[in-house]
């Protein structure tokens, strides 16, 4: 996610010091007298669209029962979690398609402004209203001439499409759908060993760093080479300033529609490969074939897209992100701490209706009414107002998967992050996946069940939903 601070970074002294989003009346005008404090501008956060609020509270994560079927012991621990907003439904094809089309339109606007295509400078703003130069940015207020383009404009528009050699169908060129974003690593910047003032690096004797020692810092960067390929590199160099904590990513964000074929050998799933993401009939079904890296890119774009519509209030909001593994389980189990997102231990109601979309029996996917995924929100919500927290699609979390699970984390807002570099061993790229899917048996859709997938691996049974931390204080659970 593109973590942008709402205030100013003054430097790394006793950690990072940020100005709290203070309004124009915050400045102190008194020349003397009693200290009364300086307040900030009040901000009331509206309910984010399509999200529900999960109140802060505590829960014993995991289960003390040894899994009788798989023989696995799930780590347990008493934890406390702050409140957060969470998508009521998994991100749908329609919502993810909006992301893809935004990237498409941004590429077209870049080319409409490019002299090599249309050369229309009004598609890119390089001066403010006073004529002062600014960092060039796209003019989204100027529409793309879809209906009556001239020859140069048509060439720019058509440059993002390809033609199916068999059918002659005009299709979006998935290879070009690349999204670039930046992440400021606040955690790395706050570490004492990374302080810009060398004299302050040895205050903690347990992790002392000699003031004269050259501190090396690694950062991710990415670029597109002359052949149009995304090149990702990890640069290690001496620490020189705050820009050394800024990581750059370029991600191809088009879903891998071939996952329907590659996940199942000797199966006739071509219809899903050709239709599931593009056919309007599947608009409200959960998007699949999206990697952990693509899900993070979506979170960043969703944050920036929201900020465009908020104006001055944009600096107050927290970014969209993937839930931590513990946040996901905390939200799924509800205040009752149930092993499923519903109160009973069974998977059917008294009227013999299933509570979730999963694989009820060996070879029988349809007993619950669906062969593959089902429309988002087809089953009842849990006590937190969240749909499909069991089955339908498993969901990416932000957490690195380890066997020790929560045992290796703090008991307050537990999380374990590791941004695996391209050259890292593959085992370091495991990310926790929760909730089970339409193809999983009953035992694997329990809220306590832990699984993983590699961060660059798309699957036909893995999707995601977003969360947002709350701006300001949160309420207690009742």
Protein backbone atom coordinates (compact mmCIF):
# COMPACT_ATOMS: atom_id res chain seq x y z
CA UNK A 1 0.00 0.00 0.00
CA UNK A 2 1.10 3.49 -0.69
CA UNK A 3 1.64 4.71 2.86
CA UNK A 4 1.54 8.50 2.74
CA UNK A 5 1.74 10.47 5.96
CA UNK A 6 -1.01 12.93 6.78
CA UNK A 7 1.49 15.39 8.25
CA UNK A 8 5.17 16.21 7.80
CA UNK A 9 8.19 14.02 8.48
CA UNK A 10 10.44 16.14 10.63
CA UNK A 11 13.23 13.55 10.79
CA UNK A 12 14.38 10.53 12.70
CA UNK A 13 15.13 11.58 16.24
CA UNK A 14 13.32 9.57 18.89
CA UNK A 15 11.71 7.49 16.16
CA UNK A 16 9.82 9.30 13.41
CA UNK A 17 8.07 12.45 14.59
CA UNK A 18 4.95 13.34 12.64
CA UNK A 19 2.80 16.42 12.88
CA UNK A 20 -0.74 15.36 13.74
CA UNK A 21 -3.08 16.55 10.98
CA UNK A 22 -3.52 19.95 12.52
CA UNK A 23 -5.77 22.66 11.17
CA UNK A 24 -4.94 26.35 10.62
CA UNK A 25 -6.05 27.25 14.15
CA UNK A 26 -3.50 24.94 15.71
CA UNK A 27 -0.65 27.41 15.79
CA UNK A 28 0.18 28.90 19.17
CA UNK A 29 -0.37 32.67 19.22
CA UNK A 30 0.10 33.29 22.95
CA UNK A 31 3.31 35.02 24.02
CA UNK A 32 3.15 33.83 27.62
CA UNK A 33 0.94 32.48 30.40
CA UNK A 34 -0.33 29.02 31.35
CA UNK A 35 0.18 26.09 29.03
CA UNK A 36 -3.25 25.08 27.76
CA UNK A 37 -2.32 22.79 24.86
CA UNK A 38 -2.75 23.04 21.12
CA UNK A 39 -5.71 21.24 19.57
CA UNK A 40 -6.30 19.93 16.08
CA UNK A 41 -9.17 20.12 13.65
CA UNK A 42 -11.91 17.66 14.56
CA UNK A 43 -12.56 14.92 12.00
CA UNK A 44 -15.50 12.55 11.91
CA UNK A 45 -14.70 9.54 9.74
CA UNK A 46 -17.63 8.45 7.56
CA UNK A 47 -18.38 4.76 7.12
CA UNK A 48 -16.33 3.58 4.14
CA UNK A 49 -18.50 2.32 1.29
CA UNK A 50 -19.21 -1.41 1.51
CA UNK A 51 -17.38 -1.84 4.82
CA UNK A 52 -18.41 -2.75 8.36
CA UNK A 53 -16.71 -1.79 11.60
CA UNK A 54 -15.07 -4.53 13.67
CA UNK A 55 -14.73 -3.24 17.22
CA UNK A 56 -11.52 -3.68 19.14
CA UNK A 57 -11.35 -6.53 21.61
CA UNK A 58 -9.50 -9.67 22.64
CA UNK A 59 -9.72 -13.32 21.63
CA UNK A 60 -7.90 -16.61 22.10
CA UNK A 61 -6.63 -17.19 18.58
CA UNK A 62 -6.47 -20.78 17.30
CA UNK A 63 -7.87 -23.90 18.94
CA UNK A 64 -6.52 -26.23 21.60
CA UNK A 65 -8.14 -29.22 19.89
CA UNK A 66 -5.72 -31.29 17.80
CA UNK A 67 -7.07 -31.71 14.29
CA UNK A 68 -8.40 -35.26 14.13
CA UNK A 69 -8.36 -35.39 10.31
CA UNK A 70 -5.12 -33.67 9.40
CA UNK A 71 -3.20 -34.18 12.66
CA UNK A 72 -2.20 -30.52 12.85
CA UNK A 73 -1.83 -28.46 16.01
CA UNK A 74 -2.92 -24.85 15.47
CA UNK A 75 -0.97 -22.30 17.58
CA UNK A 76 -3.06 -20.57 20.26
CA UNK A 77 -2.61 -17.31 22.11
CA UNK A 78 -4.60 -14.62 23.89
CA UNK A 79 -4.38 -11.46 21.79
CA UNK A 80 -5.87 -7.96 21.63
CA UNK A 81 -6.71 -6.17 18.38
CA UNK A 82 -7.62 -2.56 17.65
CA UNK A 83 -10.80 -1.74 15.76
CA UNK A 84 -10.81 -1.59 11.96
CA UNK A 85 -13.07 -1.34 8.94
CA UNK A 86 -13.43 -4.46 6.78
CA UNK A 87 -15.11 -5.12 3.44
CA UNK A 88 -18.44 -6.82 4.06
CA UNK A 89 -17.87 -8.83 0.88
CA UNK A 90 -14.89 -10.14 -1.00
CA UNK A 91 -13.62 -7.86 -3.78
CA UNK A 92 -15.74 -8.68 -6.83
CA UNK A 93 -14.88 -8.98 -10.51
CA UNK A 94 -16.67 -5.68 -11.14
CA UNK A 95 -14.63 -3.78 -8.54
CA UNK A 96 -11.34 -5.25 -9.67
CA UNK A 97 -12.28 -4.58 -13.31
CA UNK A 98 -12.65 -0.90 -12.38
CA UNK A 99 -9.00 -1.01 -11.31
CA UNK A 100 -7.97 -2.64 -14.62
CA UNK A 101 -9.92 -0.07 -16.65
CA UNK A 102 -8.38 2.78 -14.64
CA UNK A 103 -4.90 1.49 -15.54
CA UNK A 104 -6.01 1.13 -19.17
CA UNK A 105 -7.32 4.70 -19.25
CA UNK A 106 -4.19 6.08 -17.62
CA UNK A 107 -2.03 4.44 -20.31
CA UNK A 108 -4.28 5.83 -23.06
CA UNK A 109 -4.11 9.36 -21.58
CA UNK A 110 -0.32 9.14 -21.39
CA UNK A 111 -0.23 8.23 -25.08
CA UNK A 112 -2.74 10.88 -26.09
CA UNK A 113 -0.36 13.41 -24.54
CA UNK A 114 2.70 11.77 -26.14
CA UNK A 115 3.98 13.52 -29.33
CA UNK A 116 4.62 10.05 -30.77
CA UNK A 117 0.84 9.51 -30.78
CA UNK A 118 -1.69 12.36 -30.60
CA UNK A 119 0.53 14.93 -28.89
CA UNK A 120 -2.41 16.60 -27.11
CA UNK A 121 -0.76 18.39 -24.18
CA UNK A 122 -4.12 19.00 -22.48
CA UNK A 123 -4.14 15.36 -21.33
CA UNK A 124 -1.19 16.07 -19.03
CA UNK A 125 -0.91 18.97 -16.61
CA UNK A 126 2.59 20.41 -16.19
CA UNK A 127 1.73 23.86 -14.81
CA UNK A 128 -0.62 25.02 -12.06
CA UNK A 129 -3.27 27.67 -12.63
CA UNK A 130 -0.67 30.38 -11.99
CA UNK A 131 1.70 29.05 -14.64
CA UNK A 132 4.17 27.56 -12.18
CA UNK A 133 5.74 24.19 -13.16
CA UNK A 134 4.49 21.16 -11.22
CA UNK A 135 5.27 17.47 -11.30
CA UNK A 136 3.42 16.36 -14.45
CA UNK A 137 0.19 14.47 -13.80
CA UNK A 138 -2.67 13.19 -15.95
CA UNK A 139 -5.73 15.32 -16.54
CA UNK A 140 -8.58 12.97 -15.64
CA UNK A 141 -11.17 15.68 -16.27
CA UNK A 142 -10.53 15.56 -20.01
CA UNK A 143 -12.47 12.63 -21.50
CA UNK A 144 -10.98 10.06 -23.84
CA UNK A 145 -12.46 10.42 -27.36
CA UNK A 146 -13.95 6.93 -27.52
CA UNK A 147 -16.68 7.66 -30.10
CA UNK A 148 -15.15 9.96 -32.72
CA UNK A 149 -11.34 9.88 -32.40
CA UNK A 150 -9.16 11.26 -35.16
CA UNK A 151 -6.48 9.06 -36.70
CA UNK A 152 -3.79 9.85 -34.10
CA UNK A 153 -6.20 9.52 -31.17
CA UNK A 154 -7.45 6.18 -32.50
CA UNK A 155 -3.86 4.94 -32.71
CA UNK A 156 -3.30 5.86 -29.05
CA UNK A 157 -6.53 4.17 -27.95
CA UNK A 158 -5.99 1.02 -29.98
CA UNK A 159 -2.41 0.65 -28.69
CA UNK A 160 -3.67 -1.06 -25.50
CA UNK A 161 -5.65 -3.70 -27.39
CA UNK A 162 -4.76 -6.87 -29.28
CA UNK A 163 -6.72 -9.02 -31.73
CA UNK A 164 -7.51 -12.67 -31.18
CA UNK A 165 -6.00 -14.38 -34.25
CA UNK A 166 -8.69 -17.08 -34.23
CA UNK A 167 -11.85 -15.02 -33.73
CA UNK A 168 -10.77 -11.49 -34.64
CA UNK A 169 -12.04 -10.34 -31.24
CA UNK A 170 -10.60 -7.07 -29.91
CA UNK A 171 -9.16 -7.76 -26.45
CA UNK A 172 -7.34 -5.73 -23.82
CA UNK A 173 -3.59 -6.37 -23.93
CA UNK A 174 -3.09 -7.79 -20.43
CA UNK A 175 0.71 -7.46 -20.69
CA UNK A 176 0.46 -3.67 -20.65
CA UNK A 177 -1.73 -3.39 -17.55
CA UNK A 178 1.06 -2.33 -15.19
CA UNK A 179 0.52 -0.26 -12.04
CA UNK A 180 3.35 1.66 -10.39
CA UNK A 181 3.23 2.68 -6.74
CA UNK A 182 5.52 3.60 -3.85
CA UNK A 183 5.62 2.46 -0.23
CA UNK A 184 7.37 4.36 2.54
CA UNK A 185 8.62 1.82 5.09
CA UNK A 186 7.74 3.55 8.35
CA UNK A 187 8.77 0.56 10.47
CA UNK A 188 12.30 0.39 9.05
CA UNK A 189 12.63 4.18 9.31
CA UNK A 190 11.65 4.14 12.99
CA UNK A 191 14.29 1.62 14.06
CA UNK A 192 17.00 3.09 16.25
CA UNK A 193 19.76 1.48 14.16
CA UNK A 194 18.55 3.50 11.16
CA UNK A 195 18.60 6.93 12.76
CA UNK A 196 20.04 9.62 10.56
CA UNK A 197 21.90 11.08 13.53
CA UNK A 198 24.73 8.53 14.13
CA UNK A 199 25.08 9.54 17.80
CA UNK A 200 21.60 8.22 18.54
CA UNK A 201 22.13 4.71 17.15
CA UNK A 202 23.74 3.32 20.31
CA UNK A 203 21.16 4.45 22.91
CA UNK A 204 19.85 0.89 23.20
CA UNK A 205 22.74 -1.23 24.46
CA UNK A 206 20.98 -4.45 23.44
CA UNK A 207 21.06 -3.45 19.78
CA UNK A 208 23.84 -0.90 19.77
CA UNK A 209 25.28 0.30 16.49
CA UNK A 210 28.58 2.14 16.53
CA UNK A 211 28.17 5.80 15.58
CA UNK A 212 31.06 5.52 13.09
CA UNK A 213 29.70 2.38 11.45
CA UNK A 214 28.31 2.76 7.94
CA UNK A 215 24.65 1.74 8.07
CA UNK A 216 23.51 -0.12 4.96
CA UNK A 217 19.86 -0.05 3.93
CA UNK A 218 18.05 -2.15 1.33
CA UNK A 219 15.15 -0.86 -0.74
CA UNK A 220 13.07 -2.28 -3.57
CA UNK A 221 12.92 -0.57 -6.91
CA UNK A 222 11.35 -1.48 -10.23
CA UNK A 223 11.37 -0.27 -13.82
CA UNK A 224 10.23 -1.39 -17.26
CA UNK A 225 13.04 -2.25 -19.67
CA UNK A 226 13.20 -1.51 -23.40
CA UNK A 227 11.37 -4.75 -24.19
CA UNK A 228 8.45 -3.88 -21.92
CA UNK A 229 9.35 -6.31 -19.14
CA UNK A 230 9.06 -5.40 -15.46
CA UNK A 231 12.44 -5.52 -13.78
CA UNK A 232 12.50 -5.62 -9.98
CA UNK A 233 15.72 -5.07 -8.06
CA UNK A 234 16.81 -4.74 -4.46
CA UNK A 235 19.35 -1.98 -3.93
CA UNK A 236 21.59 -2.00 -0.86
CA UNK A 237 23.51 1.19 -0.16
CA UNK A 238 24.67 3.41 2.71
CA UNK A 239 21.83 5.20 4.51
CA UNK A 240 21.75 8.84 3.46
CA UNK A 241 18.19 10.14 3.96
CA UNK A 242 14.50 9.43 4.20
CA UNK A 243 14.27 8.60 0.50
CA UNK A 244 16.19 5.39 1.27
CA UNK A 245 13.04 4.02 2.94
CA UNK A 246 10.91 4.56 -0.16
CA UNK A 247 10.23 1.35 -2.10
CA UNK A 248 8.97 1.37 -5.68
CA UNK A 249 6.84 -1.41 -7.17
CA UNK A 250 5.48 -2.05 -10.64
CA UNK A 251 2.90 -4.82 -10.81
CA UNK A 252 1.08 -6.30 -13.76
CA UNK A 253 -2.44 -6.27 -12.35
CA UNK A 254 -4.47 -8.25 -14.90
CA UNK A 255 -5.87 -11.43 -13.27
CA UNK A 256 -4.47 -14.74 -14.47
CA UNK A 257 -7.58 -16.16 -16.13
CA UNK A 258 -5.66 -19.33 -17.07
CA UNK A 259 -5.70 -20.41 -13.42
CA UNK A 260 -8.97 -22.23 -14.15
CA UNK A 261 -7.05 -24.52 -16.50
CA UNK A 262 -3.75 -24.72 -14.66
CA UNK A 263 -5.26 -25.49 -11.24
CA UNK A 264 -7.15 -28.53 -12.53
CA UNK A 265 -5.55 -31.16 -14.75
CA UNK A 266 -7.72 -33.13 -17.15
CA UNK A 267 -10.76 -30.91 -16.66
CA UNK A 268 -12.95 -28.93 -19.06
CA UNK A 269 -12.71 -25.48 -17.49
CA UNK A 270 -12.03 -23.41 -20.58
CA UNK A 271 -15.41 -21.69 -20.25
CA UNK A 272 -14.35 -20.15 -16.92
CA UNK A 273 -11.00 -19.08 -18.35
CA UNK A 274 -12.76 -17.19 -21.15
CA UNK A 275 -15.74 -15.79 -19.25
CA UNK A 276 -15.31 -15.61 -15.48
CA UNK A 277 -13.53 -12.24 -15.30
CA UNK A 278 -14.94 -10.58 -18.43
CA UNK A 279 -18.56 -11.75 -18.67
CA UNK A 280 -21.05 -9.41 -16.92
CA UNK A 281 -22.87 -12.47 -15.58
CA UNK A 282 -20.00 -12.84 -13.09
CA UNK A 283 -19.83 -9.14 -12.10
CA UNK A 284 -20.72 -9.76 -8.45
CA UNK A 285 -18.66 -12.92 -8.02
CA UNK A 286 -15.33 -12.74 -6.14
CA UNK A 287 -12.32 -11.99 -8.30
CA UNK A 288 -9.81 -14.86 -8.49
CA UNK A 289 -6.49 -15.42 -10.26
CA UNK A 290 -5.09 -12.46 -8.32
CA UNK A 291 -1.73 -12.79 -6.57
CA UNK A 292 -0.86 -11.35 -3.18
CA UNK A 293 1.22 -8.72 -5.00
CA UNK A 294 -1.73 -7.74 -7.20
CA UNK A 295 -4.03 -7.54 -4.18
CA UNK A 296 -1.63 -5.09 -2.53
CA UNK A 297 -1.52 -2.99 -5.71
CA UNK A 298 -5.34 -2.86 -5.68
CA UNK A 299 -5.28 -1.63 -2.06
CA UNK A 300 -2.91 1.18 -3.00
CA UNK A 301 -4.99 2.20 -6.02
CA UNK A 302 -8.19 2.09 -3.98
CA UNK A 303 -6.58 4.44 -1.44
CA UNK A 304 -5.46 6.91 -4.10
CA UNK A 305 -8.82 6.71 -5.87
CA UNK A 306 -10.61 7.54 -2.61
CA UNK A 307 -8.32 10.47 -1.92
CA UNK A 308 -9.16 11.99 -5.29
CA UNK A 309 -12.77 12.30 -4.19
CA UNK A 310 -12.21 13.58 -0.64
CA UNK A 311 -10.35 16.81 -1.24
CA UNK A 312 -8.89 18.33 1.95
CA UNK A 313 -10.15 15.40 4.08
CA UNK A 314 -7.91 12.98 2.17
CA UNK A 315 -5.00 13.54 4.54
CA UNK A 316 -7.04 12.21 7.46
CA UNK A 317 -7.83 8.72 6.20
CA UNK A 318 -5.90 5.53 6.74
CA UNK A 319 -4.95 3.54 3.62
CA UNK A 320 -6.69 0.41 2.43
CA UNK A 321 -4.65 -2.73 3.02
CA UNK A 322 -4.93 -6.48 3.36
CA UNK A 323 -5.99 -7.71 6.81
CA UNK A 324 -3.40 -9.31 9.04
CA UNK A 325 -3.90 -13.01 9.65
CA UNK A 326 -5.03 -12.33 13.21
CA UNK A 327 -7.39 -9.51 12.18
CA UNK A 328 -8.99 -11.88 9.70
CA UNK A 329 -9.57 -14.62 12.30
CA UNK A 330 -10.72 -12.08 14.89
CA UNK A 331 -13.29 -10.69 12.45
CA UNK A 332 -14.43 -14.11 11.24
CA UNK A 333 -15.04 -15.64 14.66
CA UNK A 334 -16.86 -12.65 16.10
CA UNK A 335 -17.27 -11.80 19.80
CA UNK A 336 -18.37 -15.38 20.46
CA UNK A 337 -15.05 -16.84 19.29
CA UNK A 338 -16.82 -19.58 17.30
CA UNK A 339 -14.79 -22.02 15.22
CA UNK A 340 -16.93 -21.12 12.19
CA UNK A 341 -18.36 -17.71 11.22
CA UNK A 342 -21.65 -18.99 12.67
CA UNK A 343 -22.55 -20.14 16.18
CA UNK A 344 -23.07 -23.89 15.62
CA UNK A 345 -20.35 -26.46 14.93
CA UNK A 346 -22.26 -27.89 11.97
CA UNK A 347 -22.39 -26.54 8.42
CA UNK A 348 -26.18 -26.82 7.93
CA UNK A 349 -29.17 -25.12 9.46
CA UNK A 350 -32.15 -26.94 10.94
CA UNK A 351 -33.83 -26.53 7.54
CA UNK A 352 -30.95 -28.45 5.93
CA UNK A 353 -29.51 -25.31 4.25
CA UNK A 354 -25.75 -24.83 4.04
CA UNK A 355 -24.12 -21.86 5.74
CA UNK A 356 -21.32 -21.53 3.15
CA UNK A 357 -20.12 -22.46 -0.33
CA UNK A 358 -17.62 -25.33 -0.01
CA UNK A 359 -17.15 -28.96 -1.10
CA UNK A 360 -19.69 -30.91 1.00
CA UNK A 361 -18.62 -34.37 -0.14
CA UNK A 362 -15.98 -36.17 -2.19
CA UNK A 363 -16.51 -35.22 -5.83
CA UNK A 364 -19.77 -33.43 -5.04
CA UNK A 365 -19.33 -29.68 -5.39
CA UNK A 366 -22.97 -28.92 -6.12
CA UNK A 367 -24.77 -30.11 -2.98
CA UNK A 368 -24.56 -26.55 -1.59
CA UNK A 369 -26.03 -25.14 -4.81
CA UNK A 370 -22.81 -23.97 -6.51
CA UNK A 371 -20.27 -25.74 -8.69
CA UNK A 372 -17.53 -23.12 -8.37
CA UNK A 373 -17.75 -19.73 -6.65
CA UNK A 374 -21.06 -18.18 -5.68
CA UNK A 375 -22.18 -14.56 -5.90
CA UNK A 376 -20.75 -12.45 -3.07
CA UNK A 377 -23.13 -12.30 -0.12
CA UNK A 378 -25.20 -15.35 -1.10
CA UNK A 379 -25.06 -16.70 2.46
CA UNK A 380 -25.88 -15.02 5.77
CA UNK A 381 -23.38 -12.66 7.39
CA UNK A 382 -21.60 -13.48 10.64
CA UNK A 383 -22.13 -11.52 13.86
CA UNK A 384 -19.80 -8.78 12.60
CA UNK A 385 -21.84 -8.31 9.41
CA UNK A 386 -19.24 -10.00 7.18
CA UNK A 387 -20.24 -12.33 4.34
CA UNK A 388 -18.41 -15.41 3.03
CA UNK A 389 -15.81 -15.57 5.79
CA UNK A 390 -15.97 -19.33 5.26
CA UNK A 391 -15.80 -20.87 1.80
CA UNK A 392 -16.46 -19.24 -1.58
CA UNK A 393 -12.85 -18.11 -1.99
CA UNK A 394 -9.97 -18.29 0.43
CA UNK A 395 -8.50 -14.86 1.18
CA UNK A 396 -5.04 -13.34 1.16
CA UNK A 397 -3.74 -11.74 4.36
CA UNK A 398 -0.72 -9.47 4.80
CA UNK A 399 1.01 -11.93 7.14
CA UNK A 400 4.02 -14.13 6.36
CA UNK A 401 3.14 -17.79 6.92
CA UNK A 402 5.16 -19.61 9.58
CA UNK A 403 4.39 -22.81 11.46
CA UNK A 404 4.66 -20.96 14.77
CA UNK A 405 1.90 -18.56 13.73
CA UNK A 406 0.78 -16.22 16.48
CA UNK A 407 3.38 -17.67 18.89
CA UNK A 408 6.03 -15.65 17.10
CA UNK A 409 4.12 -12.36 17.24
CA UNK A 410 3.19 -9.73 19.79
CA UNK A 411 -0.03 -10.20 21.76
CA UNK A 412 -1.13 -6.66 20.79
CA UNK A 413 -2.12 -6.16 17.13
CA UNK A 414 -0.11 -9.27 16.15
CA UNK A 415 1.55 -9.24 12.73
CA UNK A 416 4.58 -10.74 11.03
CA UNK A 417 5.69 -8.99 7.85
CA UNK A 418 8.45 -9.73 5.41
CA UNK A 419 8.66 -8.13 1.99
CA UNK A 420 10.45 -10.91 0.15
CA UNK A 421 12.93 -9.67 -2.43
CA UNK A 422 13.07 -11.25 -5.86
CA UNK A 423 16.28 -13.08 -5.01
CA UNK A 424 15.02 -14.45 -1.67
CA UNK A 425 14.42 -18.19 -1.29
CA UNK A 426 10.95 -19.20 -2.38
CA UNK A 427 10.01 -20.40 1.11
CA UNK A 428 10.20 -16.79 2.32
CA UNK A 429 7.41 -15.83 -0.08
CA UNK A 430 4.67 -17.79 1.71
CA UNK A 431 1.70 -15.64 2.74
CA UNK A 432 -1.08 -16.73 5.04
CA UNK A 433 -4.40 -17.54 3.36
CA UNK A 434 -7.55 -17.92 5.43
CA UNK A 435 -11.18 -19.03 5.16
CA UNK A 436 -11.08 -21.97 2.78
CA UNK A 437 -12.84 -22.00 -0.59
CA UNK A 438 -15.49 -23.52 -2.83
CA UNK A 439 -13.21 -26.51 -3.50
CA UNK A 440 -12.30 -27.26 0.15
CA UNK A 441 -13.91 -29.72 2.59
CA UNK A 442 -15.65 -28.74 5.81
CA UNK A 443 -12.55 -28.93 8.04
CA UNK A 444 -10.69 -26.38 5.89
CA UNK A 445 -13.34 -23.65 6.02
CA UNK A 446 -13.13 -23.30 9.81
CA UNK A 447 -12.11 -19.84 10.97
CA UNK A 448 -9.10 -21.25 12.82
CA UNK A 449 -7.72 -23.23 9.87
CA UNK A 450 -4.35 -21.96 8.61
CA UNK A 451 -3.04 -22.31 5.07
CA UNK A 452 -0.63 -20.50 2.75
CA UNK A 453 0.22 -19.72 -0.84
CA UNK A 454 3.24 -18.10 -2.48
CA UNK A 455 2.87 -14.36 -2.98
CA UNK A 456 3.26 -14.51 -6.77
CA UNK A 457 0.97 -17.52 -7.32
CA UNK A 458 -2.57 -16.87 -8.65
CA UNK A 459 -5.28 -19.43 -7.91
CA UNK A 460 -8.87 -19.99 -9.04
CA UNK A 461 -9.90 -20.36 -5.40
CA UNK A 462 -8.09 -17.41 -3.74
CA UNK A 463 -9.44 -13.85 -3.62
CA UNK A 464 -9.22 -11.08 -1.03
CA UNK A 465 -10.98 -8.30 0.83
CA UNK A 466 -9.60 -5.01 2.16
CA UNK A 467 -9.46 -3.43 5.60
CA UNK A 468 -8.74 0.08 6.84
CA UNK A 469 -7.45 1.11 10.23
CA UNK A 470 -9.55 3.72 11.97
CA UNK A 471 -8.58 7.39 12.01
CA UNK A 472 -8.56 8.23 15.72
CA UNK A 473 -9.82 6.22 18.68
CA UNK A 474 -12.12 3.20 18.52
CA UNK A 475 -14.89 1.81 20.68
CA UNK A 476 -14.77 -1.15 22.98
CA UNK A 477 -16.54 -4.40 22.26
CA UNK A 478 -19.79 -4.77 24.21
